[in-house]
PDB file of N, CA and C in Angstrom:
ATOM      1  N   MET A   1       0.552  10.369 -32.841  1.00  0.00           N
ATOM      2  CA  MET A   1      -0.499  10.368 -31.504  1.00  0.00           C
ATOM      3  C   MET A   1       0.285   9.402 -30.283  1.00  0.00           C
ATOM      4  N   ALA A   2      -0.247  10.358 -29.343  1.00  0.00           N
ATOM      5  CA  ALA A   2       0.332   9.686 -28.044  1.00  0.00           C
ATOM      6  C   ALA A   2      -0.144   8.158 -27.644  1.00  0.00           C
ATOM      7  N   LYS A   3       0.506   7.413 -27.102  1.00  0.00           N
ATOM      8  CA  LYS A   3       0.401   6.141 -26.710  1.00  0.00           C
ATOM      9  C   LYS A   3       0.148   6.007 -25.444  1.00  0.00           C
ATOM     10  N   SER A   4      -0.886   5.571 -24.939  1.00  0.00           N
ATOM     11  CA  SER A   4      -1.425   5.202 -23.433  1.00  0.00           C
ATOM     12  C   SER A   4      -0.315   3.989 -22.935  1.00  0.00           C
ATOM     13  N   LEU A   5      -0.102   4.359 -21.548  1.00  0.00           N
ATOM     14  CA  LEU A   5       1.115   3.585 -20.826  1.00  0.00           C
ATOM     15  C   LEU A   5       0.462   2.214 -20.775  1.00  0.00           C
ATOM     16  N   ARG A   6      -0.895   1.840 -20.829  1.00  0.00           N
ATOM     17  CA  ARG A   6      -1.205   0.593 -20.921  1.00  0.00           C
ATOM     18  C   ARG A   6      -1.505   0.098 -22.346  1.00  0.00           C
ATOM     19  N   SER A   7      -0.725   0.625 -23.453  1.00  0.00           N
ATOM     20  CA  SER A   7      -0.774  -0.241 -24.381  1.00  0.00           C
ATOM     21  C   SER A   7       0.073  -1.145 -24.658  1.00  0.00           C
ATOM     22  N   LYS A   8      -0.312  -2.227 -25.613  1.00  0.00           N
ATOM     23  CA  LYS A   8       0.157  -3.458 -25.609  1.00  0.00           C
ATOM     24  C   LYS A   8       1.636  -3.460 -26.024  1.00  0.00           C
ATOM     25  N   THR A   9       1.878  -2.295 -27.003  1.00  0.00           N
ATOM     26  CA  THR A   9       3.439  -2.244 -27.196  1.00  0.00           C
ATOM     27  C   THR A   9       4.366  -1.550 -26.129  1.00  0.00           C
ATOM     28  N   LYS A  10       3.583  -0.641 -25.361  1.00  0.00           N
ATOM     29  CA  LYS A  10       4.378   0.236 -24.253  1.00  0.00           C
ATOM     30  C   LYS A  10       4.605  -1.161 -23.124  1.00  0.00           C
ATOM     31  N   LEU A  11       3.304  -2.026 -22.777  1.00  0.00           N
ATOM     32  CA  LEU A  11       3.677  -3.019 -21.733  1.00  0.00           C
ATOM     33  C   LEU A  11       4.620  -3.992 -22.210  1.00  0.00           C
ATOM     34  N   ALA A  12       4.774  -4.513 -23.598  1.00  0.00           N
ATOM     35  CA  ALA A  12       5.721  -5.700 -23.880  1.00  0.00           C
ATOM     36  C   ALA A  12       7.085  -4.818 -23.745  1.00  0.00           C
ATOM     37  N   ALA A  13       7.251  -3.625 -24.047  1.00  0.00           N
ATOM     38  CA  ALA A  13       8.690  -3.032 -24.069  1.00  0.00           C
ATOM     39  C   ALA A  13       9.093  -3.132 -22.645  1.00  0.00           C
ATOM     40  N   ARG A  14       8.237  -2.610 -21.680  1.00  0.00           N
ATOM     41  CA  ARG A  14       8.589  -2.662 -20.223  1.00  0.00           C
ATOM     42  C   ARG A  14       8.806  -3.891 -19.594  1.00  0.00           C
ATOM     43  N   ARG A  15       8.154  -4.761 -20.011  1.00  0.00           N
ATOM     44  CA  ARG A  15       8.275  -6.376 -19.521  1.00  0.00           C
ATOM     45  C   ARG A  15       9.740  -7.043 -20.067  1.00  0.00           C
ATOM     46  N   ARG A  16      10.073  -6.496 -21.630  1.00  0.00           N
ATOM     47  CA  ARG A  16      11.376  -7.015 -22.011  1.00  0.00           C
ATOM     48  C   ARG A  16      12.579  -6.286 -21.102  1.00  0.00           C
ATOM     49  N   LYS A  17      12.421  -4.900 -20.902  1.00  0.00           N
ATOM     50  CA  LYS A  17      13.538  -4.272 -20.055  1.00  0.00           C
ATOM     51  C   LYS A  17      13.567  -4.840 -18.756  1.00  0.00           C
ATOM     52  N   ALA A  18      12.537  -5.262 -18.005  1.00  0.00           N
ATOM     53  CA  ALA A  18      12.459  -5.647 -16.612  1.00  0.00           C
ATOM     54  C   ALA A  18      13.224  -6.900 -16.470  1.00  0.00           C
ATOM     55  N   HIS A  19      13.581  -7.682 -17.507  1.00  0.00           N
ATOM     56  CA  HIS A  19      14.314  -8.926 -17.519  1.00  0.00           C
ATOM     57  C   HIS A  19      15.831  -8.790 -17.952  1.00  0.00           C
ATOM     58  N   MET A  20      15.649  -7.890 -18.866  1.00  0.00           N
ATOM     59  CA  MET A  20      17.290  -7.733 -19.658  1.00  0.00           C
ATOM     60  C   MET A  20      17.880  -6.670 -18.904  1.00  0.00           C
ATOM     61  N   SER A  21      17.569  -5.842 -18.147  1.00  0.00           N
ATOM     62  CA  SER A  21      18.343  -5.061 -17.523  1.00  0.00           C
ATOM     63  C   SER A  21      19.367  -5.150 -16.407  1.00  0.00           C
ATOM     64  N   HIS A  22      20.257  -4.031 -15.904  1.00  0.00           N
ATOM     65  CA  HIS A  22      20.812  -4.210 -14.838  1.00  0.00           C
ATOM     66  C   HIS A  22      20.295  -4.169 -13.645  1.00  0.00           C
ATOM     67  N   TYR A  23      18.936  -3.511 -13.672  1.00  0.00           N
ATOM     68  CA  TYR A  23      18.234  -3.492 -12.319  1.00  0.00           C
ATOM     69  C   TYR A  23      17.764  -4.994 -12.202  1.00  0.00           C
ATOM     70  N   ALA A  24      17.372  -5.691 -13.143  1.00  0.00           N
ATOM     71  CA  ALA A  24      16.963  -7.054 -12.907  1.00  0.00           C
ATOM     72  C   ALA A  24      18.116  -7.851 -12.199  1.00  0.00           C
ATOM     73  N   VAL A  25      19.263  -7.536 -12.610  1.00  0.00           N
ATOM     74  CA  VAL A  25      20.453  -8.478 -11.837  1.00  0.00           C
ATOM     75  C   VAL A  25      20.658  -7.980 -10.205  1.00  0.00           C
ATOM     76  N   ALA A  26      20.307  -6.402 -10.137  1.00  0.00           N
ATOM     77  CA  ALA A  26      20.648  -6.116  -8.696  1.00  0.00           C
ATOM     78  C   ALA A  26      19.414  -6.697  -7.915  1.00  0.00           C
ATOM     79  N   ASP A  27      18.003  -6.636  -8.486  1.00  0.00           N
ATOM     80  CA  ASP A  27      16.863  -7.116  -7.739  1.00  0.00           C
ATOM     81  C   ASP A  27      17.079  -8.604  -7.448  1.00  0.00           C
ATOM     82  N   ALA A  28      17.719  -9.539  -8.287  1.00  0.00           N
ATOM     83  CA  ALA A  28      17.848 -10.965  -7.977  1.00  0.00           C
ATOM     84  C   ALA A  28      18.807 -11.097  -6.926  1.00  0.00           C
ATOM     85  N   GLU A  29      19.962 -10.262  -6.809  1.00  0.00           N
ATOM     86  CA  GLU A  29      21.113 -10.327  -5.654  1.00  0.00           C
ATOM     87  C   GLU A  29      20.425  -9.876  -4.248  1.00  0.00           C
ATOM     88  N   ARG A  30      19.457  -9.019  -4.354  1.00  0.00           N
ATOM     89  CA  ARG A  30      18.834  -8.398  -3.235  1.00  0.00           C
ATOM     90  C   ARG A  30      17.843  -9.379  -2.863  1.00  0.00           C
ATOM     91  N   THR A  31      17.248 -10.029  -3.497  1.00  0.00           N
ATOM     92  CA  THR A  31      16.275 -11.076  -3.091  1.00  0.00           C
ATOM     93  C   THR A  31      17.062 -12.515  -2.540  1.00  0.00           C
ATOM     94  N   ALA A  32      18.198 -12.564  -3.038  1.00  0.00           N
ATOM     95  CA  ALA A  32      19.018 -13.901  -2.612  1.00  0.00           C
ATOM     96  C   ALA A  32      19.556 -13.394  -0.998  1.00  0.00           C
ATOM     97  N   ARG A  33      19.976 -12.245  -0.945  1.00  0.00           N
ATOM     98  CA  ARG A  33      20.351 -11.741   0.189  1.00  0.00           C
ATOM     99  C   ARG A  33      19.617 -11.876   1.314  1.00  0.00           C
ATOM    100  N   ILE A  34      18.273 -11.340   1.121  1.00  0.00           N
ATOM    101  CA  ILE A  34      17.311 -11.354   1.760  1.00  0.00           C
ATOM    102  C   ILE A  34      16.694 -12.681   2.297  1.00  0.00           C
ATOM    103  N   SER A  35      16.677 -13.431   1.303  1.00  0.00           N
ATOM    104  CA  SER A  35      16.160 -14.926   1.356  1.00  0.00           C
ATOM    105  C   SER A  35      17.163 -15.684   2.245  1.00  0.00           C
ATOM    106  N   GLU A  36      18.596 -15.622   2.352  1.00  0.00           N
ATOM    107  CA  GLU A  36      19.347 -16.198   3.092  1.00  0.00           C
ATOM    108  C   GLU A  36      19.115 -15.572   4.841  1.00  0.00           C
ATOM    109  N   ARG A  37      18.925 -14.556   4.650  1.00  0.00           N
ATOM    110  CA  ARG A  37      18.944 -14.048   6.218  1.00  0.00           C
ATOM    111  C   ARG A  37      17.691 -14.444   6.784  1.00  0.00           C
ATOM    112  N   ILE A  38      16.576 -14.334   5.832  1.00  0.00           N
ATOM    113  CA  ILE A  38      15.513 -14.989   6.318  1.00  0.00           C
ATOM    114  C   ILE A  38      15.702 -16.401   6.914  1.00  0.00           C
ATOM    115  N   MET A  39      16.351 -17.386   5.988  1.00  0.00           N
ATOM    116  CA  MET A  39      16.664 -18.735   6.289  1.00  0.00           C
ATOM    117  C   MET A  39      17.425 -18.907   7.631  1.00  0.00           C
ATOM    118  N   ALA A  40      18.334 -18.189   7.793  1.00  0.00           N
ATOM    119  CA  ALA A  40      19.348 -18.335   9.068  1.00  0.00           C
ATOM    120  C   ALA A  40      18.323 -17.998  10.261  1.00  0.00           C
ATOM    121  N   LYS A  41      17.389 -16.859  10.067  1.00  0.00           N
ATOM    122  CA  LYS A  41      16.616 -16.363  11.304  1.00  0.00           C
ATOM    123  C   LYS A  41      15.639 -17.509  11.712  1.00  0.00           C
ATOM    124  N   ALA A  42      15.180 -18.438  10.723  1.00  0.00           N
ATOM    125  CA  ALA A  42      14.270 -19.440  10.804  1.00  0.00           C
ATOM    126  C   ALA A  42      15.064 -20.668  11.425  1.00  0.00           C
ATOM    127  N   ALA A  43      16.069 -21.141  11.115  1.00  0.00           N
ATOM    128  CA  ALA A  43      17.022 -21.847  11.588  1.00  0.00           C
ATOM    129  C   ALA A  43      17.173 -21.658  12.938  1.00  0.00           C
ATOM    130  N   ALA A  44      17.547 -20.670  13.345  1.00  0.00           N
ATOM    131  CA  ALA A  44      17.903 -20.179  14.817  1.00  0.00           C
ATOM    132  C   ALA A  44      16.693 -20.464  15.605  1.00  0.00           C
ATOM    133  N   LYS A  45      15.429 -20.117  14.892  1.00  0.00           N
ATOM    134  CA  LYS A  45      14.145 -19.900  15.851  1.00  0.00           C
ATOM    135  C   LYS A  45      13.987 -21.435  16.302  1.00  0.00           C
ATOM    136  N   GLU A  46      14.258 -22.105  15.099  1.00  0.00           N
ATOM    137  CA  GLU A  46      13.637 -23.704  15.570  1.00  0.00           C
ATOM    138  C   GLU A  46      14.512 -24.416  16.332  1.00  0.00           C
ATOM    139  N   ASP A  47      15.718 -23.811  16.552  1.00  0.00           N
ATOM    140  CA  ASP A  47      16.589 -24.471  17.590  1.00  0.00           C
ATOM    141  C   ASP A  47      16.043 -23.773  18.924  1.00  0.00           C
ATOM    142  N   ALA A  48      15.463 -22.669  19.262  1.00  0.00           N
ATOM    143  CA  ALA A  48      15.141 -22.334  20.206  1.00  0.00           C
ATOM    144  C   ALA A  48      13.926 -22.685  20.708  1.00  0.00           C
ATOM    145  N   GLU A  49      12.947 -23.106  19.627  1.00  0.00           N
ATOM    146  CA  GLU A  49      11.680 -23.648  19.954  1.00  0.00           C
ATOM    147  C   GLU A  49      11.617 -24.951  20.507  1.00  0.00           C
ATOM    148  N   GLY A  50      12.941 -25.701  20.123  1.00  0.00           N
ATOM    149  CA  GLY A  50      12.682 -27.265  20.599  1.00  0.00           C
ATOM    150  C   GLY A  50      12.893 -27.257  22.126  1.00  0.00           C
ATOM    151  N   ASP A  51      13.724 -26.571  22.881  1.00  0.00           N
ATOM    152  CA  ASP A  51      13.845 -26.232  24.215  1.00  0.00           C
ATOM    153  C   ASP A  51      12.534 -25.997  24.675  1.00  0.00           C
ATOM    154  N   ALA A  52      11.981 -24.840  24.167  1.00  0.00           N
ATOM    155  CA  ALA A  52      10.666 -24.281  24.705  1.00  0.00           C
ATOM    156  C   ALA A  52       9.545 -25.382  24.552  1.00  0.00           C
ATOM    157  N   GLU A  53       9.333 -26.344  24.042  1.00  0.00           N
ATOM    158  CA  GLU A  53       8.386 -27.237  23.630  1.00  0.00           C
ATOM    159  C   GLU A  53       8.314 -27.946  24.968  1.00  0.00           C
ATOM    160  N   MET A  54       9.371 -28.616  25.539  1.00  0.00           N
ATOM    161  CA  MET A  54       9.500 -29.268  26.499  1.00  0.00           C
ATOM    162  C   MET A  54       8.982 -28.621  27.732  1.00  0.00           C
ATOM    163  N   GLU A  55       8.976 -27.446  27.876  1.00  0.00           N
ATOM    164  CA  GLU A  55       8.650 -26.469  28.987  1.00  0.00           C
ATOM    165  C   GLU A  55       6.965 -26.218  28.753  1.00  0.00           C
ATOM    166  N   ALA A  56       6.596 -26.090  27.396  1.00  0.00           N
ATOM    167  CA  ALA A  56       5.330 -25.754  27.338  1.00  0.00           C
ATOM    168  C   ALA A  56       4.224 -26.835  27.423  1.00  0.00           C
ATOM    169  N   GLU A  57       4.504 -28.284  27.574  1.00  0.00           N
ATOM    170  CA  GLU A  57       3.881 -29.316  27.368  1.00  0.00           C
ATOM    171  C   GLU A  57       3.060 -29.098  29.092  1.00  0.00           C
ATOM    172  N   GLY A  58       3.864 -29.048  29.797  1.00  0.00           N
ATOM    173  CA  GLY A  58       3.117 -28.812  31.336  1.00  0.00           C
ATOM    174  C   GLY A  58       2.372 -27.620  31.517  1.00  0.00           C
ATOM    175  N   ASP A  59       2.441 -26.435  30.507  1.00  0.00           N
ATOM    176  CA  ASP A  59       1.720 -25.274  30.764  1.00  0.00           C
ATOM    177  C   ASP A  59       0.619 -25.351  30.204  1.00  0.00           C
ATOM    178  N   GLU A  60       0.078 -26.241  28.898  1.00  0.00           N
ATOM    179  CA  GLU A  60      -0.953 -26.249  28.365  1.00  0.00           C
ATOM    180  C   GLU A  60      -2.022 -27.013  29.131  1.00  0.00           C
ATOM    181  N   GLU A  61      -1.849 -27.630  30.467  1.00  0.00           N
ATOM    182  CA  GLU A  61      -2.742 -28.246  31.159  1.00  0.00           C
ATOM    183  C   GLU A  61      -3.452 -27.091  32.379  1.00  0.00           C
ATOM    184  N   MET A  62      -2.526 -25.974  32.619  1.00  0.00           N
ATOM    185  CA  MET A  62      -2.711 -25.175  33.735  1.00  0.00           C
ATOM    186  C   MET A  62      -3.387 -24.086  32.849  1.00  0.00           C
ATOM    187  N   LYS A  63      -3.644 -24.089  31.943  1.00  0.00           N
ATOM    188  CA  LYS A  63      -3.703 -22.817  30.779  1.00  0.00           C
ATOM    189  C   LYS A  63      -5.489 -22.364  31.079  1.00  0.00           C
ATOM    190  N   GLU A  64      -5.965 -21.093  31.209  1.00  0.00           N
ATOM    191  CA  GLU A  64      -7.100 -20.744  31.345  1.00  0.00           C
ATOM    192  C   GLU A  64      -7.809 -20.124  30.290  1.00  0.00           C
ATOM    193  N   GLU A  65      -8.906 -19.970  30.220  1.00  0.00           N
ATOM    194  CA  GLU A  65      -9.706 -19.230  28.891  1.00  0.00           C
ATOM    195  C   GLU A  65      -9.370 -17.849  29.235  1.00  0.00           C
ATOM    196  N   PRO A  66      -9.134 -17.010  28.174  1.00  0.00           N
ATOM    197  CA  PRO A  66      -8.814 -15.442  28.434  1.00  0.00           C
ATOM    198  C   PRO A  66     -10.198 -15.015  28.654  1.00  0.00           C
ATOM    199  N   LYS A  67      -9.954 -13.760  29.176  1.00  0.00           N
ATOM    200  CA  LYS A  67     -11.299 -13.051  29.582  1.00  0.00           C
ATOM    201  C   LYS A  67     -11.941 -12.458  27.992  1.00  0.00           C
ATOM    202  N   LYS A  68     -12.925 -12.480  27.984  1.00  0.00           N
ATOM    203  CA  LYS A  68     -13.754 -11.971  27.006  1.00  0.00           C
ATOM    204  C   LYS A  68     -13.596 -10.133  27.098  1.00  0.00           C
ATOM    205  N   ILE A  69     -13.316  -9.755  26.028  1.00  0.00           N
ATOM    206  CA  ILE A  69     -13.019  -8.243  25.772  1.00  0.00           C
ATOM    207  C   ILE A  69     -14.449  -7.815  25.010  1.00  0.00           C
ATOM    208  N   SER A  70     -15.003  -6.780  25.547  1.00  0.00           N
ATOM    209  CA  SER A  70     -16.515  -6.335  25.236  1.00  0.00           C
ATOM    210  C   SER A  70     -15.875  -5.195  24.094  1.00  0.00           C
ATOM    211  N   THR A  71     -16.484  -5.238  22.864  1.00  0.00           N
ATOM    212  CA  THR A  71     -16.199  -4.529  21.739  1.00  0.00           C
ATOM    213  C   THR A  71     -17.476  -3.454  21.631  1.00  0.00           C
ATOM    214  N   SER A  72     -18.417  -3.637  22.358  1.00  0.00           N
ATOM    215  CA  SER A  72     -19.924  -3.066  22.038  1.00  0.00           C
ATOM    216  C   SER A  72     -19.935  -1.355  22.349  1.00  0.00           C
ATOM    217  N   ALA A  73     -18.755  -1.140  23.610  1.00  0.00           N
ATOM    218  CA  ALA A  73     -19.159  -0.052  24.358  1.00  0.00           C
ATOM    219  C   ALA A  73     -18.265   0.954  23.600  1.00  0.00           C
ATOM    220  N   PRO A  74     -18.545   2.184  23.822  1.00  0.00           N
ATOM    221  CA  PRO A  74     -17.637   3.490  23.016  1.00  0.00           C
ATOM    222  C   PRO A  74     -16.326   3.472  23.748  1.00  0.00           C
ATOM    223  N   ARG A  75     -15.355   3.128  22.787  1.00  0.00           N
ATOM    224  CA  ARG A  75     -14.023   3.244  23.312  1.00  0.00           C
ATOM    225  C   ARG A  75     -13.341   4.712  23.198  1.00  0.00           C
ATOM    226  N   GLY A  76     -12.600   5.055  24.105  1.00  0.00           N
ATOM    227  CA  GLY A  76     -12.034   6.354  24.404  1.00  0.00           C
ATOM    228  C   GLY A  76     -11.443   7.022  23.664  1.00  0.00           C
ATOM    229  N   SER A  77     -11.271   8.266  23.095  1.00  0.00           N
ATOM    230  CA  SER A  77     -10.286   8.819  22.300  1.00  0.00           C
ATOM    231  C   SER A  77      -9.308   9.141  23.016  1.00  0.00           C
ATOM    232  N   ARG A  78      -8.306   9.827  21.835  1.00  0.00           N
ATOM    233  CA  ARG A  78      -6.883  10.223  22.742  1.00  0.00           C
ATOM    234  C   ARG A  78      -7.478  11.566  23.273  1.00  0.00           C
ATOM    235  N   ARG A  79      -8.417  12.269  22.978  1.00  0.00           N
ATOM    236  CA  ARG A  79      -8.790  13.587  23.813  1.00  0.00           C
ATOM    237  C   ARG A  79      -9.228  13.327  24.880  1.00  0.00           C
ATOM    238  N   GLU A  80     -10.473  12.175  25.194  1.00  0.00           N
ATOM    239  CA  GLU A  80     -10.729  11.821  26.451  1.00  0.00           C
ATOM    240  C   GLU A  80      -9.297  11.117  27.274  1.00  0.00           C
ATOM    241  N   GLU A  81      -8.579  10.276  26.590  1.00  0.00           N
ATOM    242  CA  GLU A  81      -7.318   9.787  27.472  1.00  0.00           C
ATOM    243  C   GLU A  81      -6.789  11.258  28.001  1.00  0.00           C
ATOM    244  N   TRP A  82      -6.480  12.299  27.269  1.00  0.00           N
ATOM    245  CA  TRP A  82      -5.731  13.224  27.546  1.00  0.00           C
ATOM    246  C   TRP A  82      -6.536  14.232  29.026  1.00  0.00           C
ATOM    247  N   ARG A  83      -7.852  14.194  28.899  1.00  0.00           N
ATOM    248  CA  ARG A  83      -8.552  14.906  29.865  1.00  0.00           C
ATOM    249  C   ARG A  83      -8.447  14.100  30.987  1.00  0.00           C
ATOM    250  N   LYS A  84      -8.640  12.896  31.235  1.00  0.00           N
ATOM    251  CA  LYS A  84      -8.412  11.935  32.113  1.00  0.00           C
ATOM    252  C   LYS A  84      -7.215  12.095  32.759  1.00  0.00           C
ATOM    253  N   SER A  85      -5.935  12.041  31.988  1.00  0.00           N
ATOM    254  CA  SER A  85      -4.674  12.349  32.778  1.00  0.00           C
ATOM    255  C   SER A  85      -4.464  13.666  33.228  1.00  0.00           C
ATOM    256  N   LYS A  86      -5.298  14.560  32.757  1.00  0.00           N
ATOM    257  CA  LYS A  86      -5.171  15.952  33.749  1.00  0.00           C
ATOM    258  C   LYS A  86      -6.223  16.039  34.725  1.00  0.00           C
ATOM    259  N   GLY A  87      -6.791  15.061  34.946  1.00  0.00           N
ATOM    260  CA  GLY A  87      -7.881  14.933  36.026  1.00  0.00           C
ATOM    261  C   GLY A  87      -8.980  15.603  35.888  1.00  0.00           C
ATOM    262  N   MET A  88      -9.457  15.798  34.676  1.00  0.00           N
ATOM    263  CA  MET A  88     -10.678  16.030  33.979  1.00  0.00           C
ATOM    264  C   MET A  88     -11.560  15.419  33.826  1.00  0.00           C
ATOM    265  N   GLU A  89     -12.985  15.611  33.664  1.00  0.00           N
ATOM    266  CA  GLU A  89     -13.614  14.256  32.967  1.00  0.00           C
ATOM    267  C   GLU A  89     -13.607  14.108  31.695  1.00  0.00           C
ATOM    268  N   ALA A  90     -13.973  12.728  31.548  1.00  0.00           N
ATOM    269  CA  ALA A  90     -13.643  12.498  30.067  1.00  0.00           C
ATOM    270  C   ALA A  90     -14.275  13.143  29.023  1.00  0.00           C
ATOM    271  N   ARG A  91     -15.640  13.232  29.462  1.00  0.00           N
ATOM    272  CA  ARG A  91     -16.810  13.922  28.779  1.00  0.00           C
ATOM    273  C   ARG A  91     -17.221  14.943  29.390  1.00  0.00           C
ATOM    274  N   PRO A  92     -16.994  16.606  29.199  1.00  0.00           N
ATOM    275  CA  PRO A  92     -17.804  17.383  30.047  1.00  0.00           C
ATOM    276  C   PRO A  92     -19.012  17.476  30.018  1.00  0.00           C
ATOM    277  N   LYS A  93     -19.897  17.691  31.150  1.00  0.00           N
ATOM    278  CA  LYS A  93     -21.238  17.947  31.226  1.00  0.00           C
ATOM    279  C   LYS A  93     -21.704  19.203  30.089  1.00  0.00           C
ATOM    280  N   LEU A  94     -22.769  18.800  29.846  1.00  0.00           N
ATOM    281  CA  LEU A  94     -23.279  19.797  28.591  1.00  0.00           C
ATOM    282  C   LEU A  94     -24.053  20.726  29.354  1.00  0.00           C
ATOM    283  N   LYS A  95     -23.821  21.996  29.175  1.00  0.00           N
ATOM    284  CA  LYS A  95     -24.373  23.127  29.742  1.00  0.00           C
ATOM    285  C   LYS A  95     -25.132  24.027  28.578  1.00  0.00           C
ATOM    286  N   GLY A  96     -26.492  24.596  28.921  1.00  0.00           N
ATOM    287  CA  GLY A  96     -26.849  25.445  27.750  1.00  0.00           C
ATOM    288  C   GLY A  96     -28.176  24.927  27.099  1.00  0.00           C
ATOM    289  N   GLN A  97     -28.504  25.716  26.208  1.00  0.00           N
ATOM    290  CA  GLN A  97     -29.586  25.395  25.503  1.00  0.00           C
ATOM    291  C   GLN A  97     -29.225  25.675  23.867  1.00  0.00           C
ATOM    292  N   ASN A  98     -30.505  25.140  23.299  1.00  0.00           N
ATOM    293  CA  ASN A  98     -30.594  25.449  21.489  1.00  0.00           C
ATOM    294  C   ASN A  98     -31.028  26.363  21.362  1.00  0.00           C
ATOM    295  N   LYS A  99     -31.335  26.852  19.926  1.00  0.00           N
ATOM    296  CA  LYS A  99     -32.307  27.913  19.403  1.00  0.00           C
ATOM    297  C   LYS A  99     -33.808  27.824  20.022  1.00  0.00           C
ATOM    298  N   LEU A 100     -34.178  26.413  20.382  1.00  0.00           N
ATOM    299  CA  LEU A 100     -35.368  26.093  20.274  1.00  0.00           C
ATOM    300  C   LEU A 100     -35.944  26.141  22.033  1.00  0.00           C
ATOM    301  N   GLY A 101     -34.710  26.484  22.928  1.00  0.00           N
ATOM    302  CA  GLY A 101     -34.803  26.659  24.427  1.00  0.00           C
ATOM    303  C   GLY A 101     -34.699  25.190  24.987  1.00  0.00           C
ATOM    304  N   ARG A 102     -34.348  24.252  24.292  1.00  0.00           N
ATOM    305  CA  ARG A 102     -34.270  22.891  24.899  1.00  0.00           C
ATOM    306  C   ARG A 102     -32.486  22.894  25.112  1.00  0.00           C
ATOM    307  N   PRO A 103     -32.468  21.555  26.011  1.00  0.00           N
ATOM    308  CA  PRO A 103     -31.041  21.240  26.578  1.00  0.00           C
ATOM    309  C   PRO A 103     -30.195  20.753  25.380  1.00  0.00           C
ATOM    310  N   ILE A 104     -29.023  21.475  25.418  1.00  0.00           N
ATOM    311  CA  ILE A 104     -28.040  20.731  24.254  1.00  0.00           C
ATOM    312  C   ILE A 104     -27.761  19.412  24.167  1.00  0.00           C
ATOM    313  N   SER A 105     -27.726  18.467  23.145  1.00  0.00           N
ATOM    314  CA  SER A 105     -27.822  17.000  23.059  1.00  0.00           C
ATOM    315  C   SER A 105     -26.428  17.011  22.312  1.00  0.00           C
ATOM    316  N   ARG A 106     -25.714  15.806  22.385  1.00  0.00           N
ATOM    317  CA  ARG A 106     -24.565  15.650  21.877  1.00  0.00           C
ATOM    318  C   ARG A 106     -24.853  15.352  20.126  1.00  0.00           C
ATOM    319  N   HIS A 107     -25.921  14.803  19.753  1.00  0.00           N
ATOM    320  CA  HIS A 107     -26.291  14.453  18.472  1.00  0.00           C
ATOM    321  C   HIS A 107     -26.872  15.714  17.733  1.00  0.00           C
ATOM    322  N   LYS A 108     -26.973  17.095  18.339  1.00  0.00           N
ATOM    323  CA  LYS A 108     -27.520  18.066  17.538  1.00  0.00           C
ATOM    324  C   LYS A 108     -29.128  17.437  16.747  1.00  0.00           C
ATOM    325  N   ALA A 109     -29.664  17.084  17.797  1.00  0.00           N
ATOM    326  CA  ALA A 109     -31.140  16.605  16.984  1.00  0.00           C
ATOM    327  C   ALA A 109     -32.003  18.036  17.025  1.00  0.00           C
ATOM    328  N   GLY A 110     -32.918  18.063  15.993  1.00  0.00           N
ATOM    329  CA  GLY A 110     -33.586  19.000  16.282  1.00  0.00           C
ATOM    330  C   GLY A 110     -34.060  19.578  14.661  1.00  0.00           C
ATOM    331  N   LYS A 111     -34.493  20.924  14.833  1.00  0.00           N
ATOM    332  CA  LYS A 111     -34.928  21.443  13.739  1.00  0.00           C
ATOM    333  C   LYS A 111     -33.640  21.408  12.525  1.00  0.00           C
ATOM    334  N   THR A 112     -34.166  20.833  11.397  1.00  0.00           N
ATOM    335  CA  THR A 112     -32.854  20.995  10.216  1.00  0.00           C
ATOM    336  C   THR A 112     -32.459  22.113   9.947  1.00  0.00           C
ATOM    337  N   LYS A 113     -31.161  22.184   9.550  1.00  0.00           N
ATOM    338  CA  LYS A 113     -30.710  23.831   9.282  1.00  0.00           C
ATOM    339  C   LYS A 113     -30.793  23.851   7.575  1.00  0.00           C
ATOM    340  N   ARG A 114     -30.653  22.856   6.738  1.00  0.00           N
ATOM    341  CA  ARG A 114     -30.618  22.981   5.247  1.00  0.00           C
ATOM    342  C   ARG A 114     -31.352  21.788   4.618  1.00  0.00           C
ATOM    343  N   ARG A 115     -32.137  22.578   4.152  1.00  0.00           N
ATOM    344  CA  ARG A 115     -33.199  21.455   3.269  1.00  0.00           C
ATOM    345  C   ARG A 115     -32.223  20.705   1.648  1.00  0.00           C
ATOM    346  N   ARG A 116     -32.419  19.543   1.840  1.00  0.00           N
ATOM    347  CA  ARG A 116     -31.498  19.033   0.537  1.00  0.00           C
ATOM    348  C   ARG A 116     -32.582  18.738  -0.537  1.00  0.00           C
TER     349      ARG A 116
END
C-alpha cells in the first residue's frame, strides 16, 4: 500500500535527510553569507544615522501634524485614470433605459432576472 506524505515514517526520513545531506551544508553557507552582508549594511547605516541624529533634533520642534487622508470616498481605478489622461470624464454619463422604461442605474437594480 502507498504511504501518505504526512505519515510519521516519511516525515522522519525527510527530517534526517535535511540535516545530513549536502544541501544542508550549502544552505548553512548561504545563510552565513547573507547574515554577514546584512550585518555590514547595518553597521554602515548606524554610522550614517549618528550624523543625521544631530540635525534631526532641531527638526522635531518644527514638525507639524500630517494632513489626514480620507479613506471613505471611492478611489479611482486604472480605467478612470486612463480616461482622465485622455481628457474624458472619469465615469461617463449614463444614457438609455432598462426594460421597464426607467433610467439605467449603476447598480442594475430592478426586476430580478434569476430566482434562486
